[in-house]
PDB file of N, CA and C in Angstrom:
ATOM      1  N   MET A   1      55.780 148.403 267.941  1.00  0.00           N
ATOM      2  CA  MET A   1      55.336 147.804 266.701  1.00  0.00           C
ATOM      3  C   MET A   1      56.540 147.153 266.017  1.00  0.00           C
ATOM      4  N   PRO A   2      56.416 145.938 265.591  1.00  0.00           N
ATOM      5  CA  PRO A   2      57.526 145.247 264.917  1.00  0.00           C
ATOM      6  C   PRO A   2      57.645 145.680 263.447  1.00  0.00           C
ATOM      7  N   VAL A   3      58.262 146.816 263.220  1.00  0.00           N
ATOM      8  CA  VAL A   3      58.325 147.424 261.888  1.00  0.00           C
ATOM      9  C   VAL A   3      59.033 146.528 260.887  1.00  0.00           C
ATOM     10  N   THR A   4      60.201 146.025 261.230  1.00  0.00           N
ATOM     11  CA  THR A   4      60.950 145.222 260.258  1.00  0.00           C
ATOM     12  C   THR A   4      60.204 143.932 259.907  1.00  0.00           C
ATOM     13  N   TYR A   5      59.506 143.362 260.879  1.00  0.00           N
ATOM     14  CA  TYR A   5      58.701 142.161 260.607  1.00  0.00           C
ATOM     15  C   TYR A   5      57.592 142.492 259.612  1.00  0.00           C
ATOM     16  N   ARG A   6      56.902 143.608 259.833  1.00  0.00           N
ATOM     17  CA  ARG A   6      55.801 144.003 258.941  1.00  0.00           C
ATOM     18  C   ARG A   6      56.318 144.288 257.535  1.00  0.00           C
ATOM     19  N   LEU A   7      57.498 144.899 257.435  1.00  0.00           N
ATOM     20  CA  LEU A   7      58.075 145.164 256.118  1.00  0.00           C
ATOM     21  C   LEU A   7      58.312 143.861 255.359  1.00  0.00           C
ATOM     22  N   ALA A   8      58.842 142.873 256.060  1.00  0.00           N
ATOM     23  CA  ALA A   8      59.123 141.585 255.429  1.00  0.00           C
ATOM     24  C   ALA A   8      57.841 140.832 255.101  1.00  0.00           C
ATOM     25  N   LYS A   9      56.931 140.756 256.038  1.00  0.00           N
ATOM     26  CA  LYS A   9      55.720 139.952 255.899  1.00  0.00           C
ATOM     27  C   LYS A   9      54.734 140.545 254.897  1.00  0.00           C
ATOM     28  N   GLU A  10      54.482 141.844 254.999  1.00  0.00           N
ATOM     29  CA  GLU A  10      53.438 142.466 254.180  1.00  0.00           C
ATOM     30  C   GLU A  10      53.922 143.036 252.850  1.00  0.00           C
ATOM     31  N   PHE A  11      55.216 143.374 252.777  1.00  0.00           N
ATOM     32  CA  PHE A  11      55.710 144.037 251.570  1.00  0.00           C
ATOM     33  C   PHE A  11      56.842 143.286 250.885  1.00  0.00           C
ATOM     34  N   ASN A  12      57.293 142.188 251.491  1.00  0.00           N
ATOM     35  CA  ASN A  12      58.410 141.415 250.945  1.00  0.00           C
ATOM     36  C   ASN A  12      59.657 142.299 250.777  1.00  0.00           C
ATOM     37  N   VAL A  13      59.874 143.149 251.764  1.00  0.00           N
ATOM     38  CA  VAL A  13      61.017 144.061 251.766  1.00  0.00           C
ATOM     39  C   VAL A  13      61.961 143.631 252.888  1.00  0.00           C
ATOM     40  N   ALA A  14      63.216 143.441 252.547  1.00  0.00           N
ATOM     41  CA  ALA A  14      64.220 143.070 253.542  1.00  0.00           C
ATOM     42  C   ALA A  14      64.771 144.343 254.179  1.00  0.00           C
ATOM     43  N   ALA A  15      64.871 144.340 255.500  1.00  0.00           N
ATOM     44  CA  ALA A  15      65.386 145.492 256.232  1.00  0.00           C
ATOM     45  C   ALA A  15      66.648 145.068 256.976  1.00  0.00           C
ATOM     46  N   ASN A  16      67.777 145.610 256.558  1.00  0.00           N
ATOM     47  CA  ASN A  16      69.051 145.357 257.212  1.00  0.00           C
ATOM     48  C   ASN A  16      69.301 146.503 258.186  1.00  0.00           C
ATOM     49  N   ILE A  17      69.237 146.222 259.495  1.00  0.00           N
ATOM     50  CA  ILE A  17      69.406 147.267 260.496  1.00  0.00           C
ATOM     51  C   ILE A  17      70.889 147.616 260.607  1.00  0.00           C
ATOM     52  N   ILE A  18      71.203 148.862 260.331  1.00  0.00           N
ATOM     53  CA  ILE A  18      72.574 149.348 260.380  1.00  0.00           C
ATOM     54  C   ILE A  18      72.890 149.927 261.754  1.00  0.00           C
ATOM     55  N   ARG A  19      71.973 150.728 262.274  1.00  0.00           N
ATOM     56  CA  ARG A  19      72.166 151.351 263.578  1.00  0.00           C
ATOM     57  C   ARG A  19      70.797 151.590 264.186  1.00  0.00           C
ATOM     58  N   ALA A  20      70.683 151.389 265.491  1.00  0.00           N
ATOM     59  CA  ALA A  20      69.402 151.597 266.161  1.00  0.00           C
ATOM     60  C   ALA A  20      69.602 152.260 267.513  1.00  0.00           C
ATOM     61  N   GLN A  21      68.782 153.243 267.775  1.00  0.00           N
ATOM     62  CA  GLN A  21      68.695 153.877 269.083  1.00  0.00           C
ATOM     63  C   GLN A  21      67.208 153.920 269.410  1.00  0.00           C
ATOM     64  N   VAL A  22      66.722 152.798 269.954  1.00  0.00           N
ATOM     65  CA  VAL A  22      65.293 152.625 270.171  1.00  0.00           C
ATOM     66  C   VAL A  22      65.072 152.118 271.585  1.00  0.00           C
ATOM     67  N   ALA A  23      64.080 152.700 272.258  1.00  0.00           N
ATOM     68  CA  ALA A  23      63.683 152.252 273.592  1.00  0.00           C
ATOM     69  C   ALA A  23      62.164 152.165 273.621  1.00  0.00           C
ATOM     70  N   PRO A  24      61.597 151.238 274.406  1.00  0.00           N
ATOM     71  CA  PRO A  24      60.139 151.098 274.467  1.00  0.00           C
ATOM     72  C   PRO A  24      59.467 152.412 274.861  1.00  0.00           C
ATOM     73  N   ASN A  25      58.391 152.731 274.159  1.00  0.00           N
ATOM     74  CA  ASN A  25      57.583 153.920 274.415  1.00  0.00           C
ATOM     75  C   ASN A  25      58.370 155.226 274.336  1.00  0.00           C
ATOM     76  N   GLN A  26      59.413 155.238 273.523  1.00  0.00           N
ATOM     77  CA  GLN A  26      60.239 156.423 273.330  1.00  0.00           C
ATOM     78  C   GLN A  26      60.376 156.699 271.836  1.00  0.00           C
ATOM     79  N   ILE A  27      60.735 157.915 271.494  1.00  0.00           N
ATOM     80  CA  ILE A  27      61.074 158.235 270.116  1.00  0.00           C
ATOM     81  C   ILE A  27      62.508 157.780 269.902  1.00  0.00           C
ATOM     82  N   GLY A  28      62.769 157.104 268.790  1.00  0.00           N
ATOM     83  CA  GLY A  28      64.107 156.599 268.528  1.00  0.00           C
ATOM     84  C   GLY A  28      64.502 156.797 267.085  1.00  0.00           C
ATOM     85  N   THR A  29      65.688 156.343 266.772  1.00  0.00           N
ATOM     86  CA  THR A  29      66.225 156.444 265.420  1.00  0.00           C
ATOM     87  C   THR A  29      66.667 155.065 264.968  1.00  0.00           C
ATOM     88  N   LEU A  30      66.321 154.752 263.740  1.00  0.00           N
ATOM     89  CA  LEU A  30      66.687 153.471 263.155  1.00  0.00           C
ATOM     90  C   LEU A  30      67.224 153.741 261.755  1.00  0.00           C
ATOM     91  N   VAL A  31      68.452 153.318 261.505  1.00  0.00           N
ATOM     92  CA  VAL A  31      69.038 153.431 260.174  1.00  0.00           C
ATOM     93  C   VAL A  31      69.000 152.044 259.560  1.00  0.00           C
ATOM     94  N   VAL A  32      68.254 151.930 258.460  1.00  0.00           N
ATOM     95  CA  VAL A  32      68.105 150.627 257.810  1.00  0.00           C
ATOM     96  C   VAL A  32      68.395 150.732 256.323  1.00  0.00           C
ATOM     97  N   GLU A  33      68.858 149.633 255.798  1.00  0.00           N
ATOM     98  CA  GLU A  33      69.030 149.495 254.362  1.00  0.00           C
ATOM     99  C   GLU A  33      67.878 148.616 253.901  1.00  0.00           C
ATOM    100  N   LEU A  34      67.025 149.139 253.021  1.00  0.00           N
ATOM    101  CA  LEU A  34      65.882 148.388 252.527  1.00  0.00           C
ATOM    102  C   LEU A  34      66.197 147.835 251.144  1.00  0.00           C
ATOM    103  N   SER A  35      65.781 146.605 250.901  1.00  0.00           N
ATOM    104  CA  SER A  35      65.961 146.041 249.567  1.00  0.00           C
ATOM    105  C   SER A  35      64.725 145.250 249.189  1.00  0.00           C
ATOM    106  N   GLY A  36      64.402 145.300 247.916  1.00  0.00           N
ATOM    107  CA  GLY A  36      63.235 144.608 247.384  1.00  0.00           C
ATOM    108  C   GLY A  36      62.811 145.245 246.087  1.00  0.00           C
ATOM    109  N   ASP A  37      61.678 144.812 245.578  1.00  0.00           N
ATOM    110  CA  ASP A  37      61.101 145.355 244.351  1.00  0.00           C
ATOM    111  C   ASP A  37      60.768 146.829 244.574  1.00  0.00           C
ATOM    112  N   ILE A  38      61.052 147.680 243.594  1.00  0.00           N
ATOM    113  CA  ILE A  38      60.874 149.124 243.757  1.00  0.00           C
ATOM    114  C   ILE A  38      59.443 149.487 244.114  1.00  0.00           C
ATOM    115  N   ASP A  39      58.451 148.823 243.516  1.00  0.00           N
ATOM    116  CA  ASP A  39      57.058 149.117 243.852  1.00  0.00           C
ATOM    117  C   ASP A  39      56.749 148.734 245.289  1.00  0.00           C
ATOM    118  N   GLN A  40      57.297 147.610 245.743  1.00  0.00           N
ATOM    119  CA  GLN A  40      57.094 147.186 247.123  1.00  0.00           C
ATOM    120  C   GLN A  40      57.806 148.138 248.090  1.00  0.00           C
ATOM    121  N   LEU A  41      58.982 148.610 247.698  1.00  0.00           N
ATOM    122  CA  LEU A  41      59.693 149.579 248.528  1.00  0.00           C
ATOM    123  C   LEU A  41      58.876 150.860 248.689  1.00  0.00           C
ATOM    124  N   ASP A  42      58.319 151.335 247.584  1.00  0.00           N
ATOM    125  CA  ASP A  42      57.493 152.543 247.649  1.00  0.00           C
ATOM    126  C   ASP A  42      56.285 152.331 248.545  1.00  0.00           C
ATOM    127  N   ALA A  43      55.635 151.172 248.416  1.00  0.00           N
ATOM    128  CA  ALA A  43      54.465 150.867 249.252  1.00  0.00           C
ATOM    129  C   ALA A  43      54.873 150.758 250.723  1.00  0.00           C
ATOM    130  N   ALA A  44      56.026 150.159 250.993  1.00  0.00           N
ATOM    131  CA  ALA A  44      56.498 150.016 252.370  1.00  0.00           C
ATOM    132  C   ALA A  44      56.796 151.377 252.987  1.00  0.00           C
ATOM    133  N   ILE A  45      57.420 152.259 252.226  1.00  0.00           N
ATOM    134  CA  ILE A  45      57.721 153.600 252.725  1.00  0.00           C
ATOM    135  C   ILE A  45      56.434 154.375 252.963  1.00  0.00           C
ATOM    136  N   GLU A  46      55.479 154.232 252.057  1.00  0.00           N
ATOM    137  CA  GLU A  46      54.183 154.892 252.243  1.00  0.00           C
ATOM    138  C   GLU A  46      53.493 154.381 253.513  1.00  0.00           C
ATOM    139  N   TRP A  47      53.554 153.068 253.741  1.00  0.00           N
ATOM    140  CA  TRP A  47      52.952 152.491 254.949  1.00  0.00           C
ATOM    141  C   TRP A  47      53.639 153.049 256.203  1.00  0.00           C
ATOM    142  N   MET A  48      54.983 153.103 256.191  1.00  0.00           N
ATOM    143  CA  MET A  48      55.698 153.626 257.363  1.00  0.00           C
ATOM    144  C   MET A  48      55.277 155.063 257.648  1.00  0.00           C
ATOM    145  N   ARG A  49      55.158 155.863 256.618  1.00  0.00           N
ATOM    146  CA  ARG A  49      54.736 157.250 256.819  1.00  0.00           C
ATOM    147  C   ARG A  49      53.309 157.322 257.354  1.00  0.00           C
ATOM    148  N   SER A  50      52.439 156.390 256.910  1.00  0.00           N
ATOM    149  CA  SER A  50      51.063 156.366 257.427  1.00  0.00           C
ATOM    150  C   SER A  50      51.025 155.982 258.905  1.00  0.00           C
ATOM    151  N   GLN A  51      52.087 155.341 259.392  1.00  0.00           N
ATOM    152  CA  GLN A  51      52.204 154.970 260.802  1.00  0.00           C
ATOM    153  C   GLN A  51      52.942 156.040 261.608  1.00  0.00           C
ATOM    154  N   HIS A  52      53.108 157.217 260.996  1.00  0.00           N
ATOM    155  CA  HIS A  52      53.783 158.360 261.629  1.00  0.00           C
ATOM    156  C   HIS A  52      55.257 158.072 261.912  1.00  0.00           C
ATOM    157  N   ILE A  53      55.859 157.289 261.026  1.00  0.00           N
ATOM    158  CA  ILE A  53      57.298 157.022 261.090  1.00  0.00           C
ATOM    159  C   ILE A  53      57.955 157.952 260.075  1.00  0.00           C
ATOM    160  N   ASN A  54      58.834 158.807 260.547  1.00  0.00           N
ATOM    161  CA  ASN A  54      59.548 159.707 259.648  1.00  0.00           C
ATOM    162  C   ASN A  54      60.559 158.905 258.839  1.00  0.00           C
ATOM    163  N   VAL A  55      60.486 159.044 257.530  1.00  0.00           N
ATOM    164  CA  VAL A  55      61.384 158.322 256.633  1.00  0.00           C
ATOM    165  C   VAL A  55      62.169 159.344 255.834  1.00  0.00           C
ATOM    166  N   SER A  56      63.478 159.181 255.816  1.00  0.00           N
ATOM    167  CA  SER A  56      64.306 160.049 254.977  1.00  0.00           C
ATOM    168  C   SER A  56      65.356 159.190 254.301  1.00  0.00           C
ATOM    169  N   HIS A  57      65.718 159.592 253.113  1.00  0.00           N
ATOM    170  CA  HIS A  57      66.736 158.886 252.345  1.00  0.00           C
ATOM    171  C   HIS A  57      68.102 159.471 252.678  1.00  0.00           C
ATOM    172  N   ALA A  58      69.091 158.619 252.710  1.00  0.00           N
ATOM    173  CA  ALA A  58      70.454 159.076 252.994  1.00  0.00           C
ATOM    174  C   ALA A  58      70.982 159.807 251.763  1.00  0.00           C
ATOM    175  N   LEU A  59      71.150 161.089 251.894  1.00  0.00           N
ATOM    176  CA  LEU A  59      71.649 161.900 250.783  1.00  0.00           C
ATOM    177  C   LEU A  59      73.100 162.318 250.999  1.00  0.00           C
ATOM    178  N   ALA A  60      73.569 162.128 252.199  1.00  0.00           N
ATOM    179  CA  ALA A  60      74.935 162.521 252.521  1.00  0.00           C
ATOM    180  C   ALA A  60      75.933 161.513 251.948  1.00  0.00           C
ATOM    181  N   GLU A  61      77.158 161.936 251.882  1.00  0.00           N
ATOM    182  CA  GLU A  61      78.255 161.047 251.496  1.00  0.00           C
ATOM    183  C   GLU A  61      79.360 161.181 252.531  1.00  0.00           C
ATOM    184  N   ILE A  62      80.059 160.097 252.736  1.00  0.00           N
ATOM    185  CA  ILE A  62      81.206 160.107 253.642  1.00  0.00           C
ATOM    186  C   ILE A  62      82.386 160.757 252.926  1.00  0.00           C
ATOM    187  N   VAL A  63      83.086 161.627 253.648  1.00  0.00           N
ATOM    188  CA  VAL A  63      84.259 162.316 253.111  1.00  0.00           C
ATOM    189  C   VAL A  63      85.430 162.021 254.043  1.00  0.00           C
ATOM    190  N   ILE A  64      86.555 161.655 253.461  1.00  0.00           N
ATOM    191  CA  ILE A  64      87.759 161.380 254.247  1.00  0.00           C
ATOM    192  C   ILE A  64      88.829 162.394 253.864  1.00  0.00           C
ATOM    193  N   ASP A  65      89.296 163.129 254.859  1.00  0.00           N
ATOM    194  CA  ASP A  65      90.353 164.111 254.639  1.00  0.00           C
ATOM    195  C   ASP A  65      91.697 163.380 254.692  1.00  0.00           C
ATOM    196  N   GLN A  66      92.269 163.135 253.527  1.00  0.00           N
ATOM    197  CA  GLN A  66      93.519 162.381 253.425  1.00  0.00           C
ATOM    198  C   GLN A  66      94.691 163.116 254.069  1.00  0.00           C
ATOM    199  N   ASP A  67      94.587 164.427 254.199  1.00  0.00           N
ATOM    200  CA  ASP A  67      95.667 165.199 254.836  1.00  0.00           C
ATOM    201  C   ASP A  67      95.702 164.964 256.344  1.00  0.00           C
ATOM    202  N   ILE A  68      94.548 164.600 256.927  1.00  0.00           N
ATOM    203  CA  ILE A  68      94.469 164.373 258.368  1.00  0.00           C
ATOM    204  C   ILE A  68      94.578 162.886 258.717  1.00  0.00           C
ATOM    205  N   CYS A  69      94.053 162.008 257.853  1.00  0.00           N
ATOM    206  CA  CYS A  69      94.001 160.565 258.112  1.00  0.00           C
ATOM    207  C   CYS A  69      95.402 160.001 258.369  1.00  0.00           C
ATOM    208  N   VAL A  70      95.519 159.203 259.429  1.00  0.00           N
ATOM    209  CA  VAL A  70      96.800 158.582 259.765  1.00  0.00           C
ATOM    210  C   VAL A  70      96.816 157.088 259.424  1.00  0.00           C
ATOM    211  N   ASP A  71      95.782 156.631 258.705  1.00  0.00           N
ATOM    212  CA  ASP A  71      95.692 155.237 258.245  1.00  0.00           C
ATOM    213  C   ASP A  71      95.791 154.226 259.392  1.00  0.00           C
ATOM    214  N   CYS A  72      95.161 154.557 260.518  1.00  0.00           N
ATOM    215  CA  CYS A  72      95.217 153.655 261.677  1.00  0.00           C
ATOM    216  C   CYS A  72      94.328 152.429 261.494  1.00  0.00           C
ATOM    217  N   GLY A  73      93.274 152.562 260.675  1.00  0.00           N
ATOM    218  CA  GLY A  73      92.399 151.425 260.400  1.00  0.00           C
ATOM    219  C   GLY A  73      91.285 151.195 261.400  1.00  0.00           C
ATOM    220  N   LEU A  74      91.147 152.044 262.413  1.00  0.00           N
ATOM    221  CA  LEU A  74      90.076 151.845 263.391  1.00  0.00           C
ATOM    222  C   LEU A  74      88.704 151.855 262.725  1.00  0.00           C
ATOM    223  N   CYS A  75      88.520 152.683 261.733  1.00  0.00           N
ATOM    224  CA  CYS A  75      87.235 152.780 261.043  1.00  0.00           C
ATOM    225  C   CYS A  75      86.878 151.498 260.298  1.00  0.00           C
ATOM    226  N   THR A  76      87.869 150.742 259.885  1.00  0.00           N
ATOM    227  CA  THR A  76      87.590 149.514 259.130  1.00  0.00           C
ATOM    228  C   THR A  76      86.881 148.469 259.984  1.00  0.00           C
ATOM    229  N   GLY A  77      87.096 148.515 261.274  1.00  0.00           N
ATOM    230  CA  GLY A  77      86.486 147.534 262.166  1.00  0.00           C
ATOM    231  C   GLY A  77      85.004 147.752 262.396  1.00  0.00           C
ATOM    232  N   VAL A  78      84.508 148.962 262.160  1.00  0.00           N
ATOM    233  CA  VAL A  78      83.093 149.246 262.385  1.00  0.00           C
ATOM    234  C   VAL A  78      82.297 149.368 261.087  1.00  0.00           C
ATOM    235  N   CYS A  79      82.965 149.320 259.963  1.00  0.00           N
ATOM    236  CA  CYS A  79      82.284 149.478 258.668  1.00  0.00           C
ATOM    237  C   CYS A  79      81.564 148.176 258.298  1.00  0.00           C
ATOM    238  N   PRO A  80      80.208 148.189 258.286  1.00  0.00           N
ATOM    239  CA  PRO A  80      79.469 146.948 258.046  1.00  0.00           C
ATOM    240  C   PRO A  80      79.532 146.444 256.611  1.00  0.00           C
ATOM    241  N   THR A  81      79.909 147.294 255.667  1.00  0.00           N
ATOM    242  CA  THR A  81      79.931 146.883 254.262  1.00  0.00           C
ATOM    243  C   THR A  81      81.336 146.739 253.703  1.00  0.00           C
ATOM    244  N   GLU A  82      82.334 146.936 254.555  1.00  0.00           N
ATOM    245  CA  GLU A  82      83.739 146.892 254.146  1.00  0.00           C
ATOM    246  C   GLU A  82      84.061 147.916 253.058  1.00  0.00           C
ATOM    247  N   ALA A  83      83.392 149.074 253.140  1.00  0.00           N
ATOM    248  CA  ALA A  83      83.724 150.176 252.236  1.00  0.00           C
ATOM    249  C   ALA A  83      85.062 150.784 252.626  1.00  0.00           C
ATOM    250  N   LEU A  84      85.410 150.642 253.895  1.00  0.00           N
ATOM    251  CA  LEU A  84      86.700 151.114 254.403  1.00  0.00           C
ATOM    252  C   LEU A  84      87.583 149.908 254.677  1.00  0.00           C
ATOM    253  N   THR A  85      88.729 149.861 254.050  1.00  0.00           N
ATOM    254  CA  THR A  85      89.671 148.755 254.240  1.00  0.00           C
ATOM    255  C   THR A  85      91.091 149.308 254.249  1.00  0.00           C
ATOM    256  N   LEU A  86      91.993 148.518 254.787  1.00  0.00           N
ATOM    257  CA  LEU A  86      93.406 148.871 254.706  1.00  0.00           C
ATOM    258  C   LEU A  86      94.031 148.057 253.588  1.00  0.00           C
ATOM    259  N   ASP A  87      94.765 148.729 252.716  1.00  0.00           N
ATOM    260  CA  ASP A  87      95.450 148.038 251.631  1.00  0.00           C
ATOM    261  C   ASP A  87      96.520 147.146 252.235  1.00  0.00           C
ATOM    262  N   PRO A  88      96.502 145.847 251.946  1.00  0.00           N
ATOM    263  CA  PRO A  88      97.463 144.922 252.562  1.00  0.00           C
ATOM    264  C   PRO A  88      98.913 145.163 252.153  1.00  0.00           C
ATOM    265  N   GLN A  89      99.133 145.846 251.045  1.00  0.00           N
ATOM    266  CA  GLN A  89     100.494 146.120 250.585  1.00  0.00           C
ATOM    267  C   GLN A  89     101.057 147.403 251.207  1.00  0.00           C
ATOM    268  N   THR A  90     100.228 148.449 251.223  1.00  0.00           N
ATOM    269  CA  THR A  90     100.715 149.763 251.653  1.00  0.00           C
ATOM    270  C   THR A  90     100.259 150.159 253.056  1.00  0.00           C
ATOM    271  N   TYR A  91      99.273 149.443 253.593  1.00  0.00           N
ATOM    272  CA  TYR A  91      98.661 149.771 254.888  1.00  0.00           C
ATOM    273  C   TYR A  91      98.058 151.174 254.885  1.00  0.00           C
ATOM    274  N   ARG A  92      97.591 151.597 253.733  1.00  0.00           N
ATOM    275  CA  ARG A  92      96.894 152.879 253.590  1.00  0.00           C
ATOM    276  C   ARG A  92      95.403 152.601 253.529  1.00  0.00           C
ATOM    277  N   LEU A  93      94.619 153.538 254.047  1.00  0.00           N
ATOM    278  CA  LEU A  93      93.172 153.401 254.048  1.00  0.00           C
ATOM    279  C   LEU A  93      92.633 153.514 252.630  1.00  0.00           C
ATOM    280  N   THR A  94      91.753 152.591 252.280  1.00  0.00           N
ATOM    281  CA  THR A  94      91.081 152.610 250.983  1.00  0.00           C
ATOM    282  C   THR A  94      89.583 152.757 251.224  1.00  0.00           C
ATOM    283  N   PHE A  95      88.956 153.668 250.500  1.00  0.00           N
ATOM    284  CA  PHE A  95      87.525 153.912 250.629  1.00  0.00           C
ATOM    285  C   PHE A  95      86.846 153.592 249.313  1.00  0.00           C
ATOM    286  N   THR A  96      85.948 152.601 249.327  1.00  0.00           N
ATOM    287  CA  THR A  96      85.181 152.217 248.144  1.00  0.00           C
ATOM    288  C   THR A  96      83.799 152.833 248.288  1.00  0.00           C
ATOM    289  N   ARG A  97      83.620 154.006 247.714  1.00  0.00           N
ATOM    290  CA  ARG A  97      82.392 154.791 247.864  1.00  0.00           C
ATOM    291  C   ARG A  97      81.144 154.005 247.465  1.00  0.00           C
ATOM    292  N   SER A  98      81.228 153.170 246.440  1.00  0.00           N
ATOM    293  CA  SER A  98      80.051 152.434 245.972  1.00  0.00           C
ATOM    294  C   SER A  98      79.544 151.424 247.003  1.00  0.00           C
ATOM    295  N   ARG A  99      80.376 151.027 247.939  1.00  0.00           N
ATOM    296  CA  ARG A  99      79.956 150.085 248.983  1.00  0.00           C
ATOM    297  C   ARG A  99      79.398 150.784 250.216  1.00  0.00           C
ATOM    298  N   CYS A 100      79.638 152.079 250.332  1.00  0.00           N
ATOM    299  CA  CYS A 100      79.264 152.841 251.521  1.00  0.00           C
ATOM    300  C   CYS A 100      77.754 153.071 251.564  1.00  0.00           C
ATOM    301  N   ILE A 101      77.155 152.808 252.730  1.00  0.00           N
ATOM    302  CA  ILE A 101      75.721 153.043 252.927  1.00  0.00           C
ATOM    303  C   ILE A 101      75.476 154.237 253.851  1.00  0.00           C
ATOM    304  N   VAL A 102      76.494 154.989 254.140  1.00  0.00           N
ATOM    305  CA  VAL A 102      76.435 156.208 254.945  1.00  0.00           C
ATOM    306  C   VAL A 102      75.783 155.950 256.312  1.00  0.00           C
ATOM    307  N   CYS A 103      76.207 154.868 256.947  1.00  0.00           N
ATOM    308  CA  CYS A 103      75.689 154.566 258.288  1.00  0.00           C
ATOM    309  C   CYS A 103      76.331 155.465 259.337  1.00  0.00           C
ATOM    310  N   GLU A 104      77.444 156.075 258.988  1.00  0.00           N
ATOM    311  CA  GLU A 104      78.178 157.034 259.821  1.00  0.00           C
ATOM    312  C   GLU A 104      78.826 156.422 261.057  1.00  0.00           C
ATOM    313  N   GLN A 105      78.945 155.109 261.111  1.00  0.00           N
ATOM    314  CA  GLN A 105      79.589 154.479 262.259  1.00  0.00           C
ATOM    315  C   GLN A 105      81.079 154.786 262.312  1.00  0.00           C
ATOM    316  N   CYS A 106      81.672 155.094 261.179  1.00  0.00           N
ATOM    317  CA  CYS A 106      83.103 155.382 261.121  1.00  0.00           C
ATOM    318  C   CYS A 106      83.452 156.753 261.705  1.00  0.00           C
ATOM    319  N   ILE A 107      82.516 157.686 261.661  1.00  0.00           N
ATOM    320  CA  ILE A 107      82.807 159.066 262.074  1.00  0.00           C
ATOM    321  C   ILE A 107      83.264 159.159 263.526  1.00  0.00           C
ATOM    322  N   PRO A 108      82.496 158.627 264.486  1.00  0.00           N
ATOM    323  CA  PRO A 108      82.969 158.759 265.875  1.00  0.00           C
ATOM    324  C   PRO A 108      84.156 157.862 266.204  1.00  0.00           C
ATOM    325  N   THR A 109      84.451 156.906 265.346  1.00  0.00           N
ATOM    326  CA  THR A 109      85.556 155.976 265.575  1.00  0.00           C
ATOM    327  C   THR A 109      86.910 156.599 265.241  1.00  0.00           C
ATOM    328  N   CYS A 110      86.916 157.561 264.328  1.00  0.00           N
ATOM    329  CA  CYS A 110      88.183 158.148 263.865  1.00  0.00           C
ATOM    330  C   CYS A 110      88.823 159.000 264.968  1.00  0.00           C
ATOM    331  N   PRO A 111      90.025 158.629 265.417  1.00  0.00           N
ATOM    332  CA  PRO A 111      90.652 159.374 266.512  1.00  0.00           C
ATOM    333  C   PRO A 111      91.154 160.765 266.131  1.00  0.00           C
ATOM    334  N   VAL A 112      91.324 161.014 264.827  1.00  0.00           N
ATOM    335  CA  VAL A 112      91.828 162.327 264.387  1.00  0.00           C
ATOM    336  C   VAL A 112      90.760 163.143 263.667  1.00  0.00           C
ATOM    337  N   GLN A 113      89.533 162.657 263.666  1.00  0.00           N
ATOM    338  CA  GLN A 113      88.389 163.332 263.049  1.00  0.00           C
ATOM    339  C   GLN A 113      88.612 163.627 261.574  1.00  0.00           C
ATOM    340  N   ALA A 114      89.140 162.641 260.857  1.00  0.00           N
ATOM    341  CA  ALA A 114      89.377 162.794 259.420  1.00  0.00           C
ATOM    342  C   ALA A 114      88.166 162.404 258.605  1.00  0.00           C
ATOM    343  N   ILE A 115      87.149 161.828 259.237  1.00  0.00           N
ATOM    344  CA  ILE A 115      85.968 161.361 258.511  1.00  0.00           C
ATOM    345  C   ILE A 115      84.777 162.206 258.898  1.00  0.00           C
ATOM    346  N   SER A 116      84.017 162.632 257.877  1.00  0.00           N
ATOM    347  CA  SER A 116      82.826 163.438 258.097  1.00  0.00           C
ATOM    348  C   SER A 116      81.841 163.170 256.960  1.00  0.00           C
ATOM    349  N   THR A 117      80.707 163.869 256.987  1.00  0.00           N
ATOM    350  CA  THR A 117      79.767 163.817 255.865  1.00  0.00           C
ATOM    351  C   THR A 117      79.812 165.143 255.140  1.00  0.00           C
ATOM    352  N   ASN A 118      79.334 165.136 253.913  1.00  0.00           N
ATOM    353  CA  ASN A 118      79.356 166.357 253.106  1.00  0.00           C
ATOM    354  C   ASN A 118      78.148 167.243 253.361  1.00  0.00           C
ATOM    355  N   LEU A 119      77.283 166.875 254.303  1.00  0.00           N
ATOM    356  CA  LEU A 119      76.118 167.731 254.612  1.00  0.00           C
ATOM    357  C   LEU A 119      76.366 168.535 255.861  1.00  0.00           C
TER     358      LEU A 119
END
């Protein structure tokens, strides 16, 4: 079923796919950022649940252990929102929490395991 198409066409909700692990006729996982009118978002989520699609809100937050982080910058290359950047003056990792969508792509990228979630 073309879920993102239906969200756009029927509910005027934009779906930005952050991460997908989906295969035909299999159970998969899709991490999306939805944007649109709040009433349309609620209707879209209700529709997805009526289609037996499990919907959960990202409640976790990314946590960076500054004592372990070596400021290598590998995580900055996979961050889709540029919440993780290297300061051009100090070459230290900067985390802008308000930009983070908790896609968790940075976690497996960190070679010293300094990045995790608070859940």
